[in-house]
Amino acid sequence: MDIRIRQWEGLRYLDSEKILRGLRGIATTHALHELPYEIRSLRRRDLPAYGEGRQAALFCFAMSQVAGVPVSFAHAECSDYDIVARYVKDDVAHYVPVQLKELVPERVNSGTNLQTELDKIRKYVDSHELVVAFHLNVEQRVEFSGLRLPVGVVGELWFYGASTPDQRRWALIGDMLRENRYVYEFTYPGA
């Protein structure tokens, strides 16, 4: 047995849907719009684990919708991955290392673009099992046709983001490294 699997089995896995429902409850019962942007967007220096947790929950919940089975996650900072996703199919537990990426809003970094962020993925050498999940956290239409994708560098590449301004509807697009790509639409839990 791969030693990583033994390590991953011992991690504490979180229910992605439960986390998202809890966050939606907070957002709808508190006046978050009155808080400074860095706090309500979970970007303050003492909050990045919560922001990353939300991104992980969004991606894993989306993958749950695609796979038809619950996908949970555990924080597992490593050189190549941020979380380990876990799902059970046919009574067998499957573990997937996931690197979380984000195309940040312009107000956070106006000088970045999707191609620049994709080019950073090339640093992951020999990561053919790695899944890269890219949160498109921008209020703009993203054109995928002209992008140079990191083919042969990682195992899978997925994009996800809100498709409505109120963040009730979301889309998951991928696997971008395969010829047959899909767009999966889902509703934020509790919305």
N, C-alpha and C. Protein backbone atom coordinates (compact mmCIF):
# COMPACT_ATOMS: atom_id res chain seq x y z
N MET A 1 0.86 -1.19 0.00
CA MET A 1 0.00 0.00 0.00
C MET A 1 0.89 1.24 0.00
N ASP A 2 0.53 2.19 -0.79
CA ASP A 2 1.24 3.46 -0.87
C ASP A 2 1.23 4.13 0.50
N ILE A 3 2.40 4.58 0.96
CA ILE A 3 2.48 5.21 2.29
C ILE A 3 1.61 6.46 2.37
N ARG A 4 1.46 7.15 1.24
CA ARG A 4 0.59 8.34 1.23
C ARG A 4 -0.84 7.97 1.54
N ILE A 5 -1.31 6.85 1.03
CA ILE A 5 -2.69 6.43 1.29
C ILE A 5 -2.88 6.20 2.78
N ARG A 6 -1.92 5.57 3.42
CA ARG A 6 -2.01 5.37 4.86
C ARG A 6 -2.08 6.70 5.60
N GLN A 7 -1.28 7.65 5.16
CA GLN A 7 -1.32 8.98 5.77
C GLN A 7 -2.67 9.63 5.52
N TRP A 8 -3.18 9.53 4.30
CA TRP A 8 -4.44 10.16 3.93
C TRP A 8 -5.61 9.52 4.68
N GLU A 9 -5.53 8.24 4.94
CA GLU A 9 -6.61 7.57 5.69
C GLU A 9 -6.75 8.16 7.09
N GLY A 10 -5.65 8.63 7.65
CA GLY A 10 -5.67 9.16 9.01
C GLY A 10 -6.07 10.62 9.13
N LEU A 11 -6.34 11.28 8.03
CA LEU A 11 -6.72 12.69 8.06
C LEU A 11 -8.17 12.86 8.50
N ARG A 12 -8.50 14.07 8.94
CA ARG A 12 -9.88 14.40 9.34
C ARG A 12 -10.59 15.00 8.13
N TYR A 13 -11.59 14.29 7.63
CA TYR A 13 -12.31 14.72 6.43
C TYR A 13 -13.55 15.51 6.81
N LEU A 14 -13.79 16.55 6.03
CA LEU A 14 -14.90 17.47 6.29
C LEU A 14 -15.97 17.31 5.21
N ASP A 15 -17.21 17.43 5.61
CA ASP A 15 -18.37 17.32 4.71
C ASP A 15 -18.52 18.64 3.95
N SER A 16 -18.27 18.62 2.65
CA SER A 16 -18.28 19.85 1.85
C SER A 16 -19.66 20.52 1.84
N GLU A 17 -20.72 19.73 1.72
CA GLU A 17 -22.06 20.32 1.69
C GLU A 17 -22.40 20.98 3.04
N LYS A 18 -22.07 20.32 4.11
CA LYS A 18 -22.35 20.86 5.45
C LYS A 18 -21.61 22.19 5.66
N ILE A 19 -20.38 22.26 5.23
CA ILE A 19 -19.61 23.50 5.37
C ILE A 19 -20.26 24.62 4.56
N LEU A 20 -20.63 24.33 3.32
CA LEU A 20 -21.23 25.37 2.47
C LEU A 20 -22.58 25.83 3.02
N ARG A 21 -23.37 24.91 3.55
CA ARG A 21 -24.65 25.30 4.16
C ARG A 21 -24.41 26.21 5.36
N GLY A 22 -23.40 25.88 6.16
CA GLY A 22 -23.06 26.72 7.31
C GLY A 22 -22.61 28.11 6.89
N LEU A 23 -21.79 28.18 5.88
CA LEU A 23 -21.34 29.48 5.39
C LEU A 23 -22.50 30.29 4.80
N ARG A 24 -23.42 29.61 4.12
CA ARG A 24 -24.60 30.31 3.56
C ARG A 24 -25.46 30.84 4.71
N GLY A 25 -25.58 30.05 5.76
CA GLY A 25 -26.34 30.50 6.93
C GLY A 25 -25.75 31.74 7.55
N ILE A 26 -24.44 31.77 7.68
CA ILE A 26 -23.77 32.96 8.21
C ILE A 26 -24.00 34.16 7.29
N ALA A 27 -23.86 33.95 6.00
CA ALA A 27 -24.00 35.05 5.04
C ALA A 27 -25.41 35.62 5.01
N THR A 28 -26.40 34.78 5.26
CA THR A 28 -27.78 35.26 5.17
C THR A 28 -28.33 35.78 6.49
N THR A 29 -27.66 35.49 7.60
CA THR A 29 -28.18 35.95 8.89
C THR A 29 -27.37 37.08 9.51
N HIS A 30 -26.24 37.41 8.92
CA HIS A 30 -25.40 38.48 9.45
C HIS A 30 -25.16 39.53 8.38
N ALA A 31 -24.93 40.73 8.80
CA ALA A 31 -24.69 41.84 7.87
C ALA A 31 -23.23 41.86 7.45
N LEU A 32 -22.83 40.86 6.67
CA LEU A 32 -21.44 40.74 6.25
C LEU A 32 -21.00 41.92 5.38
N HIS A 33 -21.95 42.51 4.66
CA HIS A 33 -21.60 43.63 3.79
C HIS A 33 -21.07 44.82 4.58
N GLU A 34 -21.31 44.86 5.89
CA GLU A 34 -20.82 45.95 6.73
C GLU A 34 -19.38 45.73 7.17
N LEU A 35 -18.86 44.52 6.99
CA LEU A 35 -17.49 44.21 7.38
C LEU A 35 -16.50 44.66 6.30
N PRO A 36 -15.27 44.93 6.68
CA PRO A 36 -14.25 45.25 5.67
C PRO A 36 -14.09 44.10 4.68
N TYR A 37 -13.75 44.43 3.45
CA TYR A 37 -13.63 43.44 2.38
C TYR A 37 -12.70 42.28 2.78
N GLU A 38 -11.56 42.58 3.39
CA GLU A 38 -10.59 41.55 3.74
C GLU A 38 -11.17 40.52 4.70
N ILE A 39 -12.13 40.92 5.52
CA ILE A 39 -12.75 39.98 6.46
C ILE A 39 -13.87 39.21 5.78
N ARG A 40 -14.79 39.91 5.12
CA ARG A 40 -15.93 39.20 4.51
C ARG A 40 -15.51 38.29 3.37
N SER A 41 -14.35 38.56 2.75
CA SER A 41 -13.86 37.70 1.67
C SER A 41 -12.85 36.67 2.18
N LEU A 42 -12.64 36.63 3.50
CA LEU A 42 -11.72 35.69 4.15
C LEU A 42 -10.29 35.84 3.64
N ARG A 43 -9.88 37.08 3.38
CA ARG A 43 -8.54 37.35 2.86
C ARG A 43 -7.59 37.95 3.89
N ARG A 44 -8.10 38.28 5.07
CA ARG A 44 -7.22 38.85 6.08
C ARG A 44 -6.17 37.82 6.47
N ARG A 45 -5.00 38.27 6.88
CA ARG A 45 -3.86 37.38 7.14
C ARG A 45 -4.16 36.23 8.10
N ASP A 46 -5.07 36.42 9.02
CA ASP A 46 -5.39 35.35 9.97
C ASP A 46 -6.56 34.47 9.50
N LEU A 47 -7.05 34.67 8.28
CA LEU A 47 -8.21 33.93 7.79
C LEU A 47 -7.97 33.06 6.55
N PRO A 48 -6.75 32.95 6.03
CA PRO A 48 -6.61 32.23 4.75
C PRO A 48 -7.06 30.78 4.80
N ALA A 49 -6.92 30.11 5.94
CA ALA A 49 -7.35 28.71 6.02
C ALA A 49 -8.86 28.60 5.79
N TYR A 50 -9.61 29.60 6.23
CA TYR A 50 -11.07 29.58 6.04
C TYR A 50 -11.43 29.84 4.58
N GLY A 51 -10.70 30.75 3.94
CA GLY A 51 -10.93 31.00 2.52
C GLY A 51 -10.61 29.78 1.69
N GLU A 52 -9.50 29.13 2.01
CA GLU A 52 -9.12 27.91 1.30
C GLU A 52 -10.12 26.80 1.58
N GLY A 53 -10.62 26.74 2.81
CA GLY A 53 -11.63 25.74 3.16
C GLY A 53 -12.91 25.92 2.35
N ARG A 54 -13.30 27.17 2.13
CA ARG A 54 -14.48 27.43 1.31
C ARG A 54 -14.24 26.99 -0.12
N GLN A 55 -13.07 27.31 -0.66
CA GLN A 55 -12.75 26.88 -2.03
C GLN A 55 -12.74 25.36 -2.13
N ALA A 56 -12.16 24.70 -1.14
CA ALA A 56 -12.13 23.23 -1.14
C ALA A 56 -13.54 22.66 -1.08
N ALA A 57 -14.37 23.24 -0.22
CA ALA A 57 -15.75 22.77 -0.09
C ALA A 57 -16.52 22.97 -1.40
N LEU A 58 -16.33 24.11 -2.05
CA LEU A 58 -17.01 24.37 -3.33
C LEU A 58 -16.61 23.35 -4.38
N PHE A 59 -15.31 23.12 -4.52
CA PHE A 59 -14.85 22.17 -5.52
C PHE A 59 -15.35 20.76 -5.21
N CYS A 60 -15.21 20.33 -3.97
CA CYS A 60 -15.62 18.97 -3.62
C CYS A 60 -17.13 18.78 -3.73
N PHE A 61 -17.90 19.81 -3.37
CA PHE A 61 -19.34 19.72 -3.54
C PHE A 61 -19.69 19.60 -5.02
N ALA A 62 -19.03 20.39 -5.86
CA ALA A 62 -19.28 20.31 -7.31
C ALA A 62 -18.94 18.92 -7.83
N MET A 63 -17.82 18.38 -7.39
CA MET A 63 -17.43 17.04 -7.84
C MET A 63 -18.42 15.99 -7.32
N SER A 64 -19.01 16.23 -6.15
CA SER A 64 -20.06 15.33 -5.65
C SER A 64 -21.23 15.28 -6.61
N GLN A 65 -21.58 16.44 -7.16
CA GLN A 65 -22.70 16.50 -8.09
C GLN A 65 -22.38 15.73 -9.37
N VAL A 66 -21.13 15.81 -9.81
CA VAL A 66 -20.71 15.11 -11.03
C VAL A 66 -20.63 13.61 -10.79
N ALA A 67 -19.99 13.21 -9.68
CA ALA A 67 -19.74 11.80 -9.42
C ALA A 67 -20.95 11.05 -8.88
N GLY A 68 -21.91 11.80 -8.30
CA GLY A 68 -23.08 11.16 -7.73
C GLY A 68 -22.83 10.52 -6.37
N VAL A 69 -21.69 10.83 -5.76
CA VAL A 69 -21.37 10.36 -4.41
C VAL A 69 -20.77 11.54 -3.64
N PRO A 70 -20.95 11.56 -2.32
CA PRO A 70 -20.36 12.66 -1.54
C PRO A 70 -18.84 12.66 -1.64
N VAL A 71 -18.29 13.87 -1.80
CA VAL A 71 -16.84 14.05 -1.82
C VAL A 71 -16.48 14.95 -0.65
N SER A 72 -15.70 14.43 0.27
CA SER A 72 -15.25 15.20 1.42
C SER A 72 -13.80 15.61 1.20
N PHE A 73 -13.25 16.40 2.12
CA PHE A 73 -11.87 16.84 1.95
C PHE A 73 -11.20 17.00 3.30
N ALA A 74 -9.88 16.92 3.26
CA ALA A 74 -9.06 17.16 4.44
C ALA A 74 -7.94 18.11 4.06
N HIS A 75 -7.65 19.06 4.93
CA HIS A 75 -6.50 19.94 4.71
C HIS A 75 -5.25 19.10 4.86
N ALA A 76 -4.35 19.23 3.91
CA ALA A 76 -3.13 18.42 3.93
C ALA A 76 -2.04 19.14 3.15
N GLU A 77 -1.62 20.29 3.65
CA GLU A 77 -0.62 21.08 2.94
C GLU A 77 0.62 20.23 2.65
N CYS A 78 0.96 20.15 1.41
CA CYS A 78 2.14 19.44 0.95
C CYS A 78 2.77 20.29 -0.14
N SER A 79 3.90 19.90 -0.63
CA SER A 79 4.55 20.72 -1.65
C SER A 79 3.71 20.84 -2.92
N ASP A 80 2.96 19.81 -3.25
CA ASP A 80 2.18 19.83 -4.49
C ASP A 80 0.68 20.00 -4.29
N TYR A 81 0.16 19.76 -3.11
CA TYR A 81 -1.30 19.82 -2.94
C TYR A 81 -1.68 20.48 -1.63
N ASP A 82 -2.92 21.02 -1.63
CA ASP A 82 -3.46 21.73 -0.46
C ASP A 82 -4.42 20.86 0.34
N ILE A 83 -5.16 20.02 -0.39
CA ILE A 83 -6.17 19.17 0.25
C ILE A 83 -6.10 17.77 -0.36
N VAL A 84 -6.73 16.85 0.36
CA VAL A 84 -6.96 15.52 -0.19
C VAL A 84 -8.47 15.35 -0.23
N ALA A 85 -8.99 15.06 -1.42
CA ALA A 85 -10.42 14.78 -1.58
C ALA A 85 -10.61 13.28 -1.38
N ARG A 86 -11.76 12.94 -0.81
CA ARG A 86 -12.06 11.53 -0.54
C ARG A 86 -13.49 11.23 -0.96
N TYR A 87 -13.66 10.10 -1.64
CA TYR A 87 -15.01 9.63 -1.96
C TYR A 87 -15.00 8.11 -1.90
N VAL A 88 -16.17 7.54 -1.68
CA VAL A 88 -16.31 6.09 -1.60
C VAL A 88 -17.22 5.65 -2.73
N LYS A 89 -16.71 4.71 -3.50
CA LYS A 89 -17.49 4.16 -4.61
C LYS A 89 -17.31 2.65 -4.60
N ASP A 90 -18.42 1.92 -4.65
CA ASP A 90 -18.39 0.45 -4.60
C ASP A 90 -17.63 -0.03 -3.36
N ASP A 91 -17.88 0.63 -2.22
CA ASP A 91 -17.28 0.28 -0.93
C ASP A 91 -15.76 0.44 -0.88
N VAL A 92 -15.19 1.17 -1.82
CA VAL A 92 -13.75 1.42 -1.83
C VAL A 92 -13.52 2.91 -1.69
N ALA A 93 -12.67 3.29 -0.73
CA ALA A 93 -12.33 4.70 -0.53
C ALA A 93 -11.27 5.11 -1.55
N HIS A 94 -11.51 6.25 -2.19
CA HIS A 94 -10.56 6.80 -3.16
C HIS A 94 -10.07 8.14 -2.64
N TYR A 95 -8.78 8.39 -2.82
CA TYR A 95 -8.15 9.62 -2.34
C TYR A 95 -7.51 10.34 -3.53
N VAL A 96 -7.70 11.66 -3.57
CA VAL A 96 -7.19 12.45 -4.68
C VAL A 96 -6.51 13.70 -4.14
N PRO A 97 -5.20 13.88 -4.43
CA PRO A 97 -4.54 15.12 -4.02
C PRO A 97 -4.98 16.27 -4.92
N VAL A 98 -5.31 17.41 -4.31
CA VAL A 98 -5.85 18.55 -5.06
C VAL A 98 -5.07 19.82 -4.71
N GLN A 99 -4.62 20.51 -5.73
CA GLN A 99 -3.99 21.82 -5.57
C GLN A 99 -5.06 22.86 -5.88
N LEU A 100 -5.33 23.75 -4.93
CA LEU A 100 -6.33 24.80 -5.11
C LEU A 100 -5.65 26.05 -5.65
N LYS A 101 -6.24 26.60 -6.69
CA LYS A 101 -5.76 27.85 -7.29
C LYS A 101 -6.93 28.81 -7.38
N GLU A 102 -6.62 30.10 -7.55
CA GLU A 102 -7.68 31.10 -7.65
C GLU A 102 -7.27 32.21 -8.60
N LEU A 103 -8.17 32.56 -9.48
CA LEU A 103 -8.04 33.81 -10.23
C LEU A 103 -8.75 34.84 -9.39
N VAL A 104 -7.97 35.69 -8.73
CA VAL A 104 -8.51 36.60 -7.73
C VAL A 104 -9.22 37.78 -8.38
N PRO A 105 -10.15 38.40 -7.64
CA PRO A 105 -10.82 39.59 -8.16
C PRO A 105 -9.81 40.71 -8.44
N GLU A 106 -10.18 41.58 -9.34
CA GLU A 106 -9.31 42.68 -9.75
C GLU A 106 -8.92 43.56 -8.56
N ARG A 107 -9.82 43.72 -7.60
CA ARG A 107 -9.50 44.58 -6.46
C ARG A 107 -8.41 43.98 -5.57
N VAL A 108 -8.17 42.68 -5.70
CA VAL A 108 -7.09 42.03 -4.95
C VAL A 108 -5.77 42.13 -5.71
N ASN A 109 -5.83 41.88 -7.03
CA ASN A 109 -4.63 41.96 -7.86
C ASN A 109 -5.06 42.27 -9.28
N SER A 110 -4.97 43.53 -9.66
CA SER A 110 -5.42 43.94 -11.00
C SER A 110 -4.44 43.53 -12.09
N GLY A 111 -3.25 43.09 -11.71
CA GLY A 111 -2.23 42.75 -12.70
C GLY A 111 -2.19 41.30 -13.10
N THR A 112 -3.08 40.48 -12.56
CA THR A 112 -3.02 39.06 -12.89
C THR A 112 -4.05 38.71 -13.96
N ASN A 113 -3.80 37.58 -14.61
CA ASN A 113 -4.77 37.06 -15.58
C ASN A 113 -4.69 35.54 -15.55
N LEU A 114 -5.63 34.91 -16.18
CA LEU A 114 -5.73 33.46 -16.10
C LEU A 114 -4.52 32.76 -16.71
N GLN A 115 -4.00 33.25 -17.81
CA GLN A 115 -2.85 32.60 -18.44
C GLN A 115 -1.63 32.65 -17.52
N THR A 116 -1.41 33.78 -16.87
CA THR A 116 -0.29 33.91 -15.94
C THR A 116 -0.42 32.88 -14.82
N GLU A 117 -1.62 32.73 -14.31
CA GLU A 117 -1.85 31.76 -13.23
C GLU A 117 -1.69 30.32 -13.72
N LEU A 118 -2.15 30.04 -14.92
CA LEU A 118 -1.99 28.69 -15.49
C LEU A 118 -0.52 28.36 -15.71
N ASP A 119 0.26 29.35 -16.12
CA ASP A 119 1.69 29.11 -16.35
C ASP A 119 2.41 28.69 -15.07
N LYS A 120 1.92 29.11 -13.92
CA LYS A 120 2.53 28.75 -12.64
C LYS A 120 2.39 27.26 -12.34
N ILE A 121 1.43 26.60 -12.97
CA ILE A 121 1.20 25.17 -12.73
C ILE A 121 2.37 24.34 -13.26
N ARG A 122 3.09 24.87 -14.21
CA ARG A 122 4.19 24.11 -14.82
C ARG A 122 5.30 23.75 -13.83
N LYS A 123 5.30 24.39 -12.66
CA LYS A 123 6.32 24.07 -11.65
C LYS A 123 6.11 22.70 -11.01
N TYR A 124 4.90 22.13 -11.14
CA TYR A 124 4.62 20.83 -10.56
C TYR A 124 5.11 19.75 -11.52
N VAL A 125 6.31 19.30 -11.29
CA VAL A 125 6.88 18.29 -12.19
C VAL A 125 6.51 16.90 -11.69
N ASP A 126 6.26 16.02 -12.62
CA ASP A 126 5.92 14.63 -12.31
C ASP A 126 4.75 14.54 -11.33
N SER A 127 3.70 15.29 -11.59
CA SER A 127 2.51 15.30 -10.73
C SER A 127 1.31 14.78 -11.49
N HIS A 128 1.44 13.61 -12.05
CA HIS A 128 0.39 13.07 -12.92
C HIS A 128 -0.85 12.62 -12.17
N GLU A 129 -0.78 12.53 -10.83
CA GLU A 129 -1.97 12.20 -10.03
C GLU A 129 -2.66 13.47 -9.52
N LEU A 130 -1.99 14.59 -9.62
CA LEU A 130 -2.48 15.83 -9.04
C LEU A 130 -3.64 16.41 -9.84
N VAL A 131 -4.68 16.81 -9.10
CA VAL A 131 -5.81 17.53 -9.70
C VAL A 131 -5.65 18.99 -9.30
N VAL A 132 -5.75 19.88 -10.28
CA VAL A 132 -5.71 21.32 -10.01
C VAL A 132 -7.13 21.85 -10.17
N ALA A 133 -7.62 22.49 -9.11
CA ALA A 133 -8.98 23.05 -9.09
C ALA A 133 -8.85 24.57 -9.03
N PHE A 134 -9.29 25.23 -10.07
CA PHE A 134 -9.11 26.67 -10.24
C PHE A 134 -10.41 27.42 -9.99
N HIS A 135 -10.46 28.18 -8.90
CA HIS A 135 -11.63 29.00 -8.59
C HIS A 135 -11.56 30.29 -9.40
N LEU A 136 -12.49 30.48 -10.30
CA LEU A 136 -12.57 31.70 -11.10
C LEU A 136 -13.39 32.72 -10.32
N ASN A 137 -12.71 33.47 -9.49
CA ASN A 137 -13.36 34.40 -8.56
C ASN A 137 -13.37 35.81 -9.14
N VAL A 138 -13.87 35.91 -10.35
CA VAL A 138 -13.92 37.20 -11.06
C VAL A 138 -15.31 37.43 -11.64
N GLU A 139 -15.64 38.68 -11.81
CA GLU A 139 -16.93 39.03 -12.41
C GLU A 139 -16.74 39.38 -13.87
N GLN A 140 -16.29 38.43 -14.62
CA GLN A 140 -16.08 38.63 -16.05
C GLN A 140 -16.22 37.29 -16.76
N ARG A 141 -16.49 37.36 -18.02
CA ARG A 141 -16.58 36.15 -18.83
C ARG A 141 -15.16 35.68 -19.13
N VAL A 142 -14.92 34.40 -18.96
CA VAL A 142 -13.60 33.83 -19.19
C VAL A 142 -13.63 33.06 -20.51
N GLU A 143 -12.69 33.40 -21.39
CA GLU A 143 -12.56 32.70 -22.67
C GLU A 143 -11.47 31.64 -22.53
N PHE A 144 -11.83 30.40 -22.74
CA PHE A 144 -10.88 29.30 -22.56
C PHE A 144 -10.16 28.93 -23.85
N SER A 145 -10.70 29.32 -24.98
CA SER A 145 -10.19 28.82 -26.26
C SER A 145 -8.74 29.20 -26.54
N GLY A 146 -8.27 30.34 -26.10
CA GLY A 146 -6.91 30.77 -26.41
C GLY A 146 -5.89 30.44 -25.34
N LEU A 147 -6.29 29.72 -24.30
CA LEU A 147 -5.37 29.45 -23.20
C LEU A 147 -4.38 28.33 -23.54
N ARG A 148 -3.15 28.49 -23.05
CA ARG A 148 -2.15 27.43 -23.13
C ARG A 148 -2.28 26.61 -21.85
N LEU A 149 -2.78 25.40 -22.00
CA LEU A 149 -3.03 24.55 -20.84
C LEU A 149 -1.80 23.73 -20.49
N PRO A 150 -1.61 23.40 -19.22
CA PRO A 150 -0.43 22.63 -18.79
C PRO A 150 -0.57 21.13 -19.07
N VAL A 151 -0.66 20.77 -20.32
CA VAL A 151 -0.85 19.38 -20.73
C VAL A 151 0.41 18.59 -20.37
N GLY A 152 0.21 17.42 -19.76
CA GLY A 152 1.32 16.55 -19.42
C GLY A 152 2.01 16.90 -18.10
N VAL A 153 1.53 17.92 -17.43
CA VAL A 153 2.16 18.36 -16.18
C VAL A 153 1.40 17.82 -14.97
N VAL A 154 0.07 17.92 -15.00
CA VAL A 154 -0.76 17.45 -13.89
C VAL A 154 -1.80 16.47 -14.44
N GLY A 155 -2.49 15.80 -13.53
CA GLY A 155 -3.46 14.79 -13.94
C GLY A 155 -4.74 15.36 -14.51
N GLU A 156 -5.31 16.36 -13.82
CA GLU A 156 -6.57 16.96 -14.26
C GLU A 156 -6.55 18.44 -13.95
N LEU A 157 -7.34 19.19 -14.71
CA LEU A 157 -7.49 20.63 -14.52
C LEU A 157 -8.97 20.98 -14.62
N TRP A 158 -9.50 21.54 -13.53
CA TRP A 158 -10.91 21.92 -13.46
C TRP A 158 -11.02 23.40 -13.12
N PHE A 159 -12.04 24.05 -13.66
CA PHE A 159 -12.37 25.43 -13.32
C PHE A 159 -13.77 25.44 -12.70
N TYR A 160 -13.96 26.31 -11.72
CA TYR A 160 -15.29 26.47 -11.14
C TYR A 160 -15.47 27.92 -10.71
N GLY A 161 -16.72 28.36 -10.76
CA GLY A 161 -17.01 29.73 -10.35
C GLY A 161 -18.51 29.98 -10.36
N ALA A 162 -18.88 31.08 -9.73
CA ALA A 162 -20.29 31.47 -9.69
C ALA A 162 -20.73 31.89 -11.08
N SER A 163 -21.93 31.49 -11.46
CA SER A 163 -22.45 31.89 -12.77
C SER A 163 -23.55 32.94 -12.65
N THR A 164 -23.91 33.29 -11.40
CA THR A 164 -24.85 34.37 -11.15
C THR A 164 -24.26 35.30 -10.10
N PRO A 165 -24.58 36.60 -10.16
CA PRO A 165 -24.00 37.55 -9.20
C PRO A 165 -24.32 37.23 -7.73
N ASP A 166 -25.47 36.61 -7.47
CA ASP A 166 -25.82 36.28 -6.08
C ASP A 166 -25.16 34.98 -5.59
N GLN A 167 -24.37 34.35 -6.43
CA GLN A 167 -23.63 33.12 -6.14
C GLN A 167 -24.54 31.95 -5.75
N ARG A 168 -25.74 31.96 -6.28
CA ARG A 168 -26.63 30.81 -6.06
C ARG A 168 -26.34 29.71 -7.09
N ARG A 169 -26.01 30.10 -8.29
CA ARG A 169 -25.73 29.14 -9.37
C ARG A 169 -24.23 29.13 -9.65
N TRP A 170 -23.70 27.95 -9.84
CA TRP A 170 -22.28 27.76 -10.07
C TRP A 170 -22.06 26.83 -11.26
N ALA A 171 -20.86 26.87 -11.79
CA ALA A 171 -20.50 25.98 -12.89
C ALA A 171 -19.14 25.36 -12.61
N LEU A 172 -18.99 24.11 -13.00
CA LEU A 172 -17.74 23.37 -12.93
C LEU A 172 -17.41 22.95 -14.35
N ILE A 173 -16.21 23.26 -14.80
CA ILE A 173 -15.82 22.98 -16.18
C ILE A 173 -14.56 22.11 -16.18
N GLY A 174 -14.60 21.03 -16.91
CA GLY A 174 -13.41 20.20 -16.99
C GLY A 174 -13.72 18.80 -17.49
N ASP A 175 -12.85 17.96 -17.36
CA ASP A 175 -11.45 18.16 -17.15
C ASP A 175 -10.86 18.82 -18.39
N MET A 176 -10.21 19.96 -18.23
CA MET A 176 -9.70 20.75 -19.35
C MET A 176 -8.57 20.06 -20.10
N LEU A 177 -7.96 19.05 -19.51
CA LEU A 177 -6.84 18.36 -20.16
C LEU A 177 -7.30 17.17 -21.00
N ARG A 178 -8.59 16.95 -21.04
CA ARG A 178 -9.15 15.87 -21.85
C ARG A 178 -9.84 16.46 -23.08
N GLU A 179 -9.98 15.66 -24.07
CA GLU A 179 -10.62 16.11 -25.30
C GLU A 179 -12.10 16.40 -25.07
N ASN A 180 -12.76 15.53 -24.32
CA ASN A 180 -14.18 15.73 -24.01
C ASN A 180 -14.30 16.46 -22.69
N ARG A 181 -14.67 17.71 -22.76
CA ARG A 181 -14.84 18.54 -21.57
C ARG A 181 -16.32 18.75 -21.32
N TYR A 182 -16.65 18.93 -20.05
CA TYR A 182 -18.04 19.12 -19.70
C TYR A 182 -18.21 20.38 -18.87
N VAL A 183 -19.42 20.91 -18.92
CA VAL A 183 -19.82 22.00 -18.05
C VAL A 183 -20.94 21.45 -17.18
N TYR A 184 -20.70 21.46 -15.88
CA TYR A 184 -21.68 20.98 -14.93
C TYR A 184 -22.19 22.19 -14.17
N GLU A 185 -23.50 22.33 -14.10
CA GLU A 185 -24.08 23.44 -13.34
C GLU A 185 -24.68 22.88 -12.06
N PHE A 186 -24.54 23.66 -10.99
CA PHE A 186 -25.09 23.23 -9.71
C PHE A 186 -25.53 24.45 -8.91
N THR A 187 -26.38 24.20 -7.95
CA THR A 187 -26.88 25.24 -7.07
C THR A 187 -26.13 25.15 -5.74
N TYR A 188 -25.73 26.31 -5.23
CA TYR A 188 -25.05 26.37 -3.94
C TYR A 188 -25.98 25.77 -2.89
N PRO A 189 -25.49 24.88 -2.03
CA PRO A 189 -26.37 24.26 -1.03
C PRO A 189 -27.03 25.29 -0.11
N GLY A 190 -28.31 25.14 0.09
CA GLY A 190 -29.04 26.04 0.97
C GLY A 190 -29.47 27.33 0.32
N ALA A 191 -29.15 27.48 -0.97
CA ALA A 191 -29.51 28.74 -1.67
C ALA A 191 -30.96 28.71 -2.11
